Amino acid sequence: MKTFKWWAFLAFFPMLASAETKEFKLENGLKIVVQEDHRSPVVVSQVWYRAGSLDEVNGKTGVAHVLEHMMFKGTKEIKAGQFSRLVAAAGGKENAFTSQDYTTYFQQLEKSQLPLSIKLEADRMVNLNLTDEEFAKEIKVVMEERRWRTEDKPQSKVNEQFKSTIYHVHPYSRPIVGWMNDLENMTAEDAREWYKKWYAPNNATLVVVGDVKAEEVLKLAKQYFGPLKARSLPDRKPQVEPAQTGERRVVVKAQAKLPYVLMGFHVPPLNDADKDVDPYALEILAGVLNGNASARLNQNLVRQSQIAVDVDAGYDMIQRGRETIFVLDGTPSEGKTAAELEAAILQEVEKIKTSGITEEELLRVKAQVIAADVYQRDSMFYQAMQIGQLETTGFSWKVLESYPAKLQAVTAEQVQAVAKKYFVKDNMTVATLDPQPITDTAPKGKPHVH
């Protein structure tokens, strides 16, 4: 399961802890965080809504993502499709994405065009023209996207079944794009209800990174977002996944060339950035297993034994739903089975449980994270992503100040301890792809373009 690990970009980023980062809050509850970066005359502007598939209910899965599509369908003043054209005419680029925890809209522009971005976002925060006619067209686009994302891709089918197996109660069990039956029965009123419920300044964060002055951004935010009224938000009920008390398995049959295996263990996410220990040790463990070409899984299973074509490990400690998993996955080499690869991966985990990791490995992983930071400094977009994700999941961007020291403090003994504690059979879920002969090569869907 190749997941994009936003937390990987949060490591060792002292720039964000500098005086150049300022935060504000408007009277209507809109949070504003500005990171000044004057290396080039560019600005990245992002609006983060604390609303994702985590907040959906059964029967209406996918509505957060559907509303993301509808946000490009015009307002009282802007015609459908005009939003993207206005940004493009200004020399910028824009897009949006929906996740389990949030929905984010962003633009990257020459710095003088920031007022356009903020004006447009403030307009569609409250003035969306969500018509039955536009919805009827767009819901078909979303269904096509689901077919392209999932029905066309056997590993995506496995991942979907894996999520609904490892989570029995928690909303993370549901696909972000939604179940097809829910999409087929969704109405424009469902989208309007979601918009009215969650799209409000007091449920959003504006993040701006680039060649700007913080006070000037605040002035623009007051001008365009300031007049918008706060809205009463629904209560968010705690949603806790019951402890898993036995091994779980699911097999997915789909047309594919090779098998695939995906396994996961329930582990703790970050809750208290100052007091937690295990999340930082799990972060190191992920690096030991899959940090780079010399990491254990790649070195032992791909290069040496050649039992796998590829193998991966991942852990995301930042989750608004306060549930997360440690995943291990891979594709067996031709002639090898999913069962053989599963056993080989678990053997590598068992080595860490019994013998621990070396100091050399520990230092290498910590150095890797520091080195990765050098590359991330070149991207204003990912600076904004770091801030937005933390703020929207209930943390402060200031968590970045303590993260380097917390990671550096992890010991080899702590890494071994978390492996022993969480990597047990009763806490394991395994999903396997059973490849079927490929008889239909025609794609079932197509990707979405605004």
Protein backbone atom coordinates (compact mmCIF):
# COMPACT_ATOMS: atom_id res chain seq x y z
CA MET A 1 0.00 0.00 0.00
CA LYS A 2 1.86 3.07 -1.23
CA THR A 3 0.56 5.81 1.00
CA PHE A 4 1.68 9.41 1.02
CA LYS A 5 3.07 10.01 4.50
CA TRP A 6 2.52 13.66 5.33
CA TRP A 7 4.24 13.21 8.70
CA ALA A 8 7.45 12.29 6.93
CA PHE A 9 7.65 15.96 5.92
CA LEU A 10 7.37 17.16 9.50
CA ALA A 11 10.83 16.14 10.56
CA PHE A 12 13.51 18.56 11.64
CA PHE A 13 11.99 21.74 10.27
CA PRO A 14 13.39 24.57 12.41
CA MET A 15 12.31 27.16 9.83
CA LEU A 16 8.72 26.68 10.92
CA ALA A 17 9.63 27.41 14.49
CA SER A 18 11.20 30.72 13.64
CA ALA A 19 9.77 34.20 14.11
CA GLU A 20 8.79 34.15 10.44
CA THR A 21 5.76 32.00 11.28
CA LYS A 22 2.82 33.90 12.74
CA GLU A 23 -0.69 32.87 13.60
CA PHE A 24 -3.89 34.87 13.95
CA LYS A 25 -7.56 34.25 14.60
CA LEU A 26 -10.44 36.31 13.27
CA GLU A 27 -13.51 37.08 15.37
CA ASN A 28 -15.52 34.57 13.32
CA GLY A 29 -13.12 31.78 14.33
CA LEU A 30 -11.02 31.49 11.17
CA LYS A 31 -7.46 30.45 12.06
CA ILE A 32 -4.66 31.97 9.95
CA VAL A 33 -1.06 30.77 9.87
CA VAL A 34 1.51 32.58 7.74
CA GLN A 35 4.99 31.27 6.98
CA GLU A 36 7.18 33.91 5.35
CA ASP A 37 9.59 32.56 2.73
CA HIS A 38 11.17 35.28 0.60
CA ARG A 39 13.40 33.20 -1.68
CA SER A 40 11.16 33.61 -4.73
CA PRO A 41 8.15 35.83 -5.59
CA VAL A 42 5.67 32.99 -5.15
CA VAL A 43 2.89 32.31 -2.66
CA VAL A 44 0.98 29.15 -1.74
CA SER A 45 -2.47 29.65 -0.22
CA GLN A 46 -4.43 26.78 1.29
CA VAL A 47 -7.82 26.59 3.01
CA TRP A 48 -8.25 23.54 5.23
CA TYR A 49 -11.70 22.43 6.40
CA ARG A 50 -11.93 20.14 9.40
CA ALA A 51 -14.28 17.81 7.54
CA GLY A 52 -13.46 14.55 5.81
CA SER A 53 -14.73 11.01 5.51
CA LEU A 54 -14.20 10.69 9.28
CA ASP A 55 -17.31 12.83 9.74
CA GLU A 56 -19.58 10.97 7.33
CA VAL A 57 -22.38 8.58 8.24
CA ASN A 58 -23.36 5.25 6.72
CA GLY A 59 -25.47 5.71 3.61
CA LYS A 60 -23.72 8.96 2.69
CA THR A 61 -20.11 7.84 2.32
CA GLY A 62 -18.15 9.90 -0.19
CA VAL A 63 -20.15 13.09 0.38
CA ALA A 64 -17.06 15.02 1.58
CA HIS A 65 -15.30 14.22 -1.68
CA VAL A 66 -18.41 14.97 -3.75
CA LEU A 67 -18.66 18.40 -2.12
CA GLU A 68 -15.00 19.02 -2.98
CA HIS A 69 -15.97 18.54 -6.64
CA MET A 70 -18.98 20.82 -6.29
CA MET A 71 -16.83 23.62 -4.87
CA PHE A 72 -15.63 24.26 -8.44
CA LYS A 73 -19.17 24.61 -9.79
CA GLY A 74 -19.60 28.32 -9.20
CA THR A 75 -21.09 30.78 -6.76
CA LYS A 76 -23.61 33.59 -7.03
CA GLU A 77 -20.97 35.68 -8.84
CA ILE A 78 -18.62 33.09 -10.38
CA LYS A 79 -19.94 30.76 -13.08
CA ALA A 80 -19.33 27.01 -13.00
CA GLY A 81 -15.76 26.24 -14.05
CA GLN A 82 -14.73 29.89 -13.86
CA PHE A 83 -12.78 29.48 -10.61
CA SER A 84 -10.04 27.40 -12.27
CA ARG A 85 -9.96 29.64 -15.33
CA LEU A 86 -9.46 32.76 -13.22
CA VAL A 87 -6.54 31.18 -11.37
CA ALA A 88 -5.00 29.95 -14.63
CA ALA A 89 -5.40 33.39 -16.24
CA ALA A 90 -3.44 34.82 -13.30
CA GLY A 91 -0.60 32.43 -14.07
CA GLY A 92 -1.38 30.15 -11.15
CA LYS A 93 -2.33 26.56 -10.55
CA GLU A 94 -4.87 25.13 -8.16
CA ASN A 95 -6.52 21.94 -6.99
CA ALA A 96 -8.09 20.26 -3.99
CA PHE A 97 -8.08 16.95 -2.16
CA THR A 98 -10.21 15.11 0.37
CA SER A 99 -8.82 12.83 3.06
CA GLN A 100 -10.14 10.99 6.08
CA ASP A 101 -9.56 14.01 8.29
CA TYR A 102 -9.92 17.13 6.15
CA THR A 103 -10.69 18.71 2.79
CA THR A 104 -8.14 21.15 1.40
CA TYR A 105 -8.22 23.70 -1.42
CA PHE A 106 -5.02 25.33 -2.64
CA GLN A 107 -3.54 27.75 -5.15
CA GLN A 108 0.06 28.58 -6.06
CA LEU A 109 0.50 32.01 -7.62
CA GLU A 110 2.82 34.92 -8.17
CA LYS A 111 2.73 36.84 -4.90
CA SER A 112 0.79 39.84 -6.27
CA GLN A 113 -2.12 37.49 -7.07
CA LEU A 114 -2.74 36.44 -3.45
CA PRO A 115 -5.79 38.76 -3.13
CA LEU A 116 -7.46 36.84 -5.97
CA SER A 117 -6.94 33.52 -4.20
CA ILE A 118 -8.29 34.74 -0.87
CA LYS A 119 -11.24 36.51 -2.48
CA LEU A 120 -12.26 33.41 -4.42
CA GLU A 121 -11.95 31.10 -1.41
CA ALA A 122 -13.95 33.41 0.84
CA ASP A 123 -16.65 33.62 -1.82
CA ARG A 124 -17.12 29.88 -2.20
CA MET A 125 -16.97 29.28 1.55
CA VAL A 126 -20.49 30.72 1.87
CA ASN A 127 -21.91 31.44 -1.60
CA LEU A 128 -21.65 28.08 -3.36
CA ASN A 129 -24.25 27.66 -6.09
CA LEU A 130 -25.03 23.99 -5.54
CA THR A 131 -27.72 23.24 -8.13
CA ASP A 132 -29.45 19.95 -8.88
CA GLU A 133 -28.33 20.21 -12.51
CA GLU A 134 -24.61 20.58 -11.73
CA PHE A 135 -24.81 17.87 -9.07
CA ALA A 136 -26.42 15.41 -11.50
CA LYS A 137 -23.47 15.87 -13.88
CA GLU A 138 -20.74 15.82 -11.24
CA ILE A 139 -21.92 12.74 -9.34
CA LYS A 140 -21.37 10.77 -12.54
CA VAL A 141 -17.81 12.13 -12.69
CA VAL A 142 -17.23 10.99 -9.10
CA MET A 143 -18.53 7.50 -9.89
CA GLU A 144 -16.16 7.36 -12.85
CA GLU A 145 -13.34 8.39 -10.53
CA ARG A 146 -14.25 5.61 -8.10
CA ARG A 147 -14.13 3.10 -10.93
CA TRP A 148 -10.73 4.45 -12.00
CA ARG A 149 -9.32 4.56 -8.45
CA THR A 150 -10.62 1.22 -7.24
CA GLU A 151 -12.33 -1.07 -9.76
CA ASP A 152 -9.47 -0.62 -12.26
CA LYS A 153 -6.74 -1.30 -9.69
CA PRO A 154 -6.53 -4.68 -7.92
CA GLN A 155 -4.29 -3.38 -5.12
CA SER A 156 -6.82 -0.62 -4.43
CA LYS A 157 -9.52 -3.27 -4.07
CA VAL A 158 -7.33 -5.05 -1.54
CA ASN A 159 -6.69 -1.84 0.37
CA GLU A 160 -10.42 -1.06 0.53
CA GLN A 161 -11.24 -4.50 1.93
CA PHE A 162 -8.28 -4.28 4.29
CA LYS A 163 -9.52 -1.03 5.79
CA SER A 164 -13.04 -2.37 6.30
CA THR A 165 -11.56 -5.47 7.98
CA ILE A 166 -9.00 -3.89 10.31
CA TYR A 167 -11.55 -1.27 11.41
CA HIS A 168 -14.90 -2.68 12.52
CA VAL A 169 -16.37 0.41 14.17
CA HIS A 170 -14.24 3.43 13.36
CA PRO A 171 -15.11 5.59 10.30
CA TYR A 172 -11.62 5.01 8.88
CA SER A 173 -13.11 1.72 7.64
CA ARG A 174 -14.96 3.57 4.88
CA PRO A 175 -13.42 4.60 1.53
CA ILE A 176 -12.87 8.32 1.06
CA VAL A 177 -14.35 8.18 -2.43
CA GLY A 178 -17.42 6.45 -0.99
CA TRP A 179 -19.15 3.14 -1.60
CA MET A 180 -20.66 2.95 -5.08
CA ASN A 181 -24.17 2.27 -3.76
CA ASP A 182 -24.03 5.44 -1.67
CA LEU A 183 -22.87 7.48 -4.66
CA GLU A 184 -25.63 6.05 -6.83
CA ASN A 185 -28.23 7.15 -4.28
CA MET A 186 -26.69 10.48 -3.26
CA THR A 187 -28.67 13.68 -3.88
CA ALA A 188 -27.82 17.33 -4.25
CA GLU A 189 -29.51 17.88 -0.90
CA ASP A 190 -26.97 15.54 0.75
CA ALA A 191 -24.17 17.73 -0.60
CA ARG A 192 -25.96 20.92 0.45
CA GLU A 193 -26.42 19.51 3.95
CA TRP A 194 -22.69 18.73 4.19
CA TYR A 195 -21.79 22.20 2.96
CA LYS A 196 -24.07 23.92 5.48
CA LYS A 197 -22.87 21.70 8.29
CA TRP A 198 -19.09 22.01 7.96
CA TYR A 199 -18.11 24.87 5.62
CA ALA A 200 -17.74 27.82 7.95
CA PRO A 201 -14.86 30.08 9.00
CA ASN A 202 -14.82 28.61 12.51
CA ASN A 203 -14.19 25.16 11.00
CA ALA A 204 -11.35 26.24 8.71
CA THR A 205 -7.70 27.25 8.68
CA LEU A 206 -6.07 29.53 6.12
CA VAL A 207 -2.39 28.71 5.57
CA VAL A 208 -0.23 31.02 3.48
CA VAL A 209 3.43 30.36 2.72
CA GLY A 210 5.62 32.47 0.48
CA ASP A 211 7.01 35.88 -0.33
CA VAL A 212 4.51 37.77 1.81
CA LYS A 213 4.30 39.79 4.99
CA ALA A 214 2.17 38.23 7.71
CA GLU A 215 0.38 41.49 8.52
CA GLU A 216 -0.55 41.98 4.88
CA VAL A 217 -2.05 38.48 4.74
CA LEU A 218 -4.02 39.22 7.90
CA LYS A 219 -5.35 42.40 6.32
CA LEU A 220 -6.54 40.48 3.24
CA ALA A 221 -8.12 37.80 5.42
CA LYS A 222 -10.00 40.41 7.42
CA GLN A 223 -11.20 42.06 4.21
CA TYR A 224 -12.58 38.93 2.56
CA PHE A 225 -13.13 36.35 5.31
CA GLY A 226 -13.84 38.80 8.12
CA PRO A 227 -17.47 39.56 7.11
CA LEU A 228 -18.40 35.86 7.05
CA LYS A 229 -20.37 34.65 10.04
CA ALA A 230 -19.40 31.79 12.30
CA ARG A 231 -21.77 28.84 12.34
CA SER A 232 -22.83 26.45 15.06
CA LEU A 233 -21.00 23.18 14.38
CA PRO A 234 -22.36 19.70 15.14
CA ASP A 235 -20.98 17.88 18.16
CA ARG A 236 -18.22 15.47 17.23
CA LYS A 237 -18.75 12.24 19.13
CA PRO A 238 -15.72 10.22 20.23
CA GLN A 239 -15.26 7.23 17.92
CA VAL A 240 -12.99 4.55 19.35
CA GLU A 241 -12.15 1.26 17.69
CA PRO A 242 -12.53 -1.65 20.12
CA ALA A 243 -9.35 -3.59 20.80
CA GLN A 244 -8.71 -6.35 18.28
CA THR A 245 -8.66 -9.72 20.00
CA GLY A 246 -7.79 -12.10 17.19
CA GLU A 247 -6.12 -12.36 13.82
CA ARG A 248 -8.26 -11.23 10.85
CA ARG A 249 -7.91 -12.20 7.20
CA VAL A 250 -9.56 -11.31 3.92
CA VAL A 251 -8.89 -12.55 0.38
CA VAL A 252 -9.71 -10.47 -2.69
CA LYS A 253 -9.96 -12.12 -6.11
CA ALA A 254 -9.27 -9.75 -8.99
CA GLN A 255 -7.67 -9.75 -12.42
CA ALA A 256 -3.94 -9.22 -11.89
CA LYS A 257 -0.53 -10.52 -12.94
CA LEU A 258 0.93 -11.03 -9.46
CA PRO A 259 -0.34 -11.61 -5.92
CA TYR A 260 -0.15 -8.89 -3.31
CA VAL A 261 -0.17 -8.96 0.48
CA LEU A 262 -1.09 -6.16 2.87
CA MET A 263 -0.92 -6.53 6.64
CA GLY A 264 -1.48 -4.09 9.45
CA PHE A 265 -1.30 -3.72 13.22
CA HIS A 266 -3.21 -1.29 15.41
CA VAL A 267 -0.71 1.13 16.98
CA PRO A 268 -1.11 4.44 18.82
CA PRO A 269 -1.07 7.77 16.98
CA LEU A 270 0.36 10.90 18.50
CA ASN A 271 -1.89 12.23 21.26
CA ASP A 272 0.43 14.23 23.50
CA ALA A 273 3.42 15.57 21.60
CA ASP A 274 5.35 16.16 24.84
CA LYS A 275 4.62 12.98 26.78
CA ASP A 276 4.17 10.26 24.15
CA VAL A 277 7.06 7.87 23.49
CA ASP A 278 5.72 5.01 21.38
CA PRO A 279 4.78 7.06 18.28
CA TYR A 280 8.35 8.32 17.90
CA ALA A 281 9.73 4.80 18.34
CA LEU A 282 7.29 3.52 15.71
CA GLU A 283 8.48 6.25 13.36
CA ILE A 284 12.05 4.98 13.77
CA LEU A 285 10.88 1.39 13.30
CA ALA A 286 9.27 2.31 9.97
CA GLY A 287 12.59 3.80 8.88
CA VAL A 288 14.55 0.71 9.93
CA LEU A 289 12.24 -1.49 7.88
CA ASN A 290 11.77 0.78 4.89
CA GLY A 291 13.79 3.98 5.24
CA ASN A 292 15.86 3.61 2.05
CA ALA A 293 17.53 1.07 -0.22
CA SER A 294 19.63 -0.25 2.66
CA ALA A 295 16.65 -0.73 4.99
CA ARG A 296 15.90 -4.26 6.14
CA LEU A 297 12.90 -5.14 3.99
CA ASN A 298 14.40 -3.97 0.73
CA GLN A 299 17.86 -5.30 1.49
CA ASN A 300 16.78 -8.73 2.67
CA LEU A 301 13.63 -9.47 0.70
CA VAL A 302 14.14 -7.64 -2.61
CA ARG A 303 17.91 -7.66 -3.11
CA GLN A 304 19.14 -10.75 -1.31
CA SER A 305 16.42 -13.41 -1.22
CA GLN A 306 14.56 -11.82 -4.17
CA ILE A 307 11.29 -13.08 -2.76
CA ALA A 308 9.65 -9.71 -3.46
CA VAL A 309 9.43 -7.30 -6.36
CA ASP A 310 8.79 -4.53 -3.88
CA VAL A 311 8.04 -4.28 -0.18
CA ASP A 312 7.01 -1.38 1.99
CA ALA A 313 6.33 -0.29 5.56
CA GLY A 314 4.46 2.78 6.72
CA TYR A 315 3.16 4.56 9.77
CA ASP A 316 1.23 7.84 10.04
CA MET A 317 1.26 9.23 13.56
CA ILE A 318 -0.90 12.30 12.85
CA GLN A 319 -4.60 11.38 12.70
CA ARG A 320 -7.60 13.49 13.71
CA GLY A 321 -9.56 10.30 14.39
CA ARG A 322 -6.92 9.26 16.96
CA GLU A 323 -6.64 5.78 15.44
CA THR A 324 -3.83 4.55 13.21
CA ILE A 325 -2.13 1.43 11.93
CA PHE A 326 1.35 0.26 11.03
CA VAL A 327 1.23 -1.31 7.57
CA LEU A 328 3.54 -3.75 5.81
CA ASP A 329 2.92 -4.74 2.21
CA GLY A 330 4.56 -6.13 -0.86
CA THR A 331 4.35 -7.89 -4.20
CA PRO A 332 5.93 -11.35 -4.44
CA SER A 333 8.40 -12.07 -7.22
CA GLU A 334 7.14 -14.22 -10.08
CA GLY A 335 6.90 -17.82 -8.89
CA LYS A 336 6.58 -16.79 -5.24
CA THR A 337 3.30 -16.75 -3.31
CA ALA A 338 1.69 -14.15 -1.08
CA ALA A 339 1.98 -16.61 1.82
CA GLU A 340 5.75 -16.90 1.30
CA LEU A 341 6.16 -13.13 1.23
CA GLU A 342 3.97 -12.69 4.30
CA ALA A 343 6.11 -15.18 6.21
CA ALA A 344 9.30 -13.46 5.08
CA ILE A 345 8.06 -10.03 6.18
CA LEU A 346 6.97 -11.34 9.56
CA GLN A 347 10.35 -13.02 9.97
CA GLU A 348 12.05 -9.64 9.55
CA VAL A 349 9.76 -8.20 12.22
CA GLU A 350 10.50 -11.16 14.48
CA LYS A 351 14.24 -10.49 14.19
CA ILE A 352 13.68 -7.01 15.60
CA LYS A 353 11.47 -8.35 18.37
CA THR A 354 14.08 -10.89 19.45
CA SER A 355 17.38 -9.17 18.64
CA GLY A 356 16.50 -5.48 18.39
CA ILE A 357 18.19 -3.01 16.04
CA THR A 358 21.77 -1.82 15.92
CA GLU A 359 23.00 1.58 16.98
CA GLU A 360 24.20 2.01 13.40
CA GLU A 361 20.67 1.52 12.09
CA LEU A 362 19.29 3.90 14.69
CA LEU A 363 21.75 6.64 13.75
CA ARG A 364 21.17 6.05 10.03
CA VAL A 365 17.42 6.49 10.30
CA LYS A 366 17.75 9.65 12.36
CA ALA A 367 20.25 11.04 9.85
CA GLN A 368 17.91 10.18 6.98
CA VAL A 369 15.12 12.27 8.45
CA ILE A 370 17.46 15.20 8.91
CA ALA A 371 18.73 14.88 5.33
CA ALA A 372 15.18 14.71 3.97
CA ASP A 373 14.54 18.11 5.53
CA VAL A 374 17.13 19.71 3.24
CA TYR A 375 14.98 18.81 0.25
CA GLN A 376 11.70 19.83 1.86
CA ARG A 377 12.97 23.35 2.49
CA ASP A 378 12.79 23.95 -1.26
CA SER A 379 9.02 23.47 -1.34
CA MET A 380 6.65 26.15 -0.15
CA PHE A 381 3.77 23.80 -0.87
CA TYR A 382 4.95 21.18 1.60
CA GLN A 383 5.73 23.78 4.22
CA ALA A 384 2.06 24.74 3.97
CA MET A 385 1.01 21.07 4.03
CA GLN A 386 2.91 20.54 7.28
CA ILE A 387 1.21 23.46 8.98
CA GLY A 388 -2.25 22.70 7.64
CA GLN A 389 -2.28 19.06 8.57
CA LEU A 390 -1.15 19.71 12.14
CA GLU A 391 -3.59 22.55 12.71
CA THR A 392 -6.53 20.66 11.23
CA THR A 393 -5.94 17.45 13.17
CA GLY A 394 -5.96 19.20 16.54
CA PHE A 395 -2.28 20.00 17.00
CA SER A 396 -0.32 23.22 16.65
CA TRP A 397 2.37 23.85 14.05
CA LYS A 398 4.56 24.50 17.09
CA VAL A 399 4.74 20.72 17.61
CA LEU A 400 7.55 20.97 15.07
CA GLU A 401 9.73 22.59 17.70
CA SER A 402 9.84 19.47 19.88
CA TYR A 403 9.79 16.80 17.18
CA PRO A 404 13.55 16.73 16.41
CA ALA A 405 14.51 16.26 20.05
CA LYS A 406 11.81 13.62 20.54
CA LEU A 407 13.03 11.62 17.58
CA GLN A 408 16.68 11.99 18.59
CA ALA A 409 15.83 10.70 22.07
CA VAL A 410 14.48 7.37 20.80
CA THR A 411 16.63 4.42 21.87
CA ALA A 412 17.17 1.06 20.22
CA GLU A 413 15.51 -0.54 23.23
CA GLN A 414 12.35 1.53 22.71
CA VAL A 415 12.16 0.47 19.06
CA GLN A 416 12.42 -3.18 20.06
CA ALA A 417 9.81 -2.64 22.78
CA VAL A 418 7.14 -1.27 20.40
CA ALA A 419 7.76 -4.15 18.00
CA LYS A 420 7.18 -6.63 20.82
CA LYS A 421 4.16 -4.77 22.14
CA TYR A 422 2.13 -4.24 18.97
CA PHE A 423 3.36 -6.76 16.38
CA VAL A 424 1.45 -9.76 17.71
CA LYS A 425 -0.85 -12.16 15.85
CA ASP A 426 -3.99 -11.20 17.77
CA ASN A 427 -3.45 -7.59 16.65
CA MET A 428 -2.78 -8.46 13.00
CA THR A 429 -5.00 -8.10 9.93
CA VAL A 430 -3.93 -9.52 6.57
CA ALA A 431 -5.47 -8.87 3.15
CA THR A 432 -4.29 -10.89 0.16
CA LEU A 433 -4.80 -10.48 -3.55
CA ASP A 434 -5.56 -13.77 -5.30
CA PRO A 435 -4.75 -12.92 -8.95
CA GLN A 436 -7.22 -14.06 -11.58
CA PRO A 437 -6.57 -14.39 -15.33
CA ILE A 438 -6.69 -11.04 -17.11
CA THR A 439 -9.51 -11.19 -19.65
CA ASP A 440 -10.77 -7.59 -19.66
CA THR A 441 -8.20 -4.85 -20.24
CA ALA A 442 -10.65 -2.01 -20.86
CA PRO A 443 -10.53 0.62 -18.07
CA LYS A 444 -13.70 0.87 -16.01
CA GLY A 445 -13.34 4.55 -15.18
CA LYS A 446 -11.31 7.67 -15.74
CA PRO A 447 -9.57 10.21 -13.46
CA HIS A 448 -11.17 13.48 -12.52
CA VAL A 449 -10.07 16.81 -13.97
CA HIS A 450 -11.70 20.08 -12.87
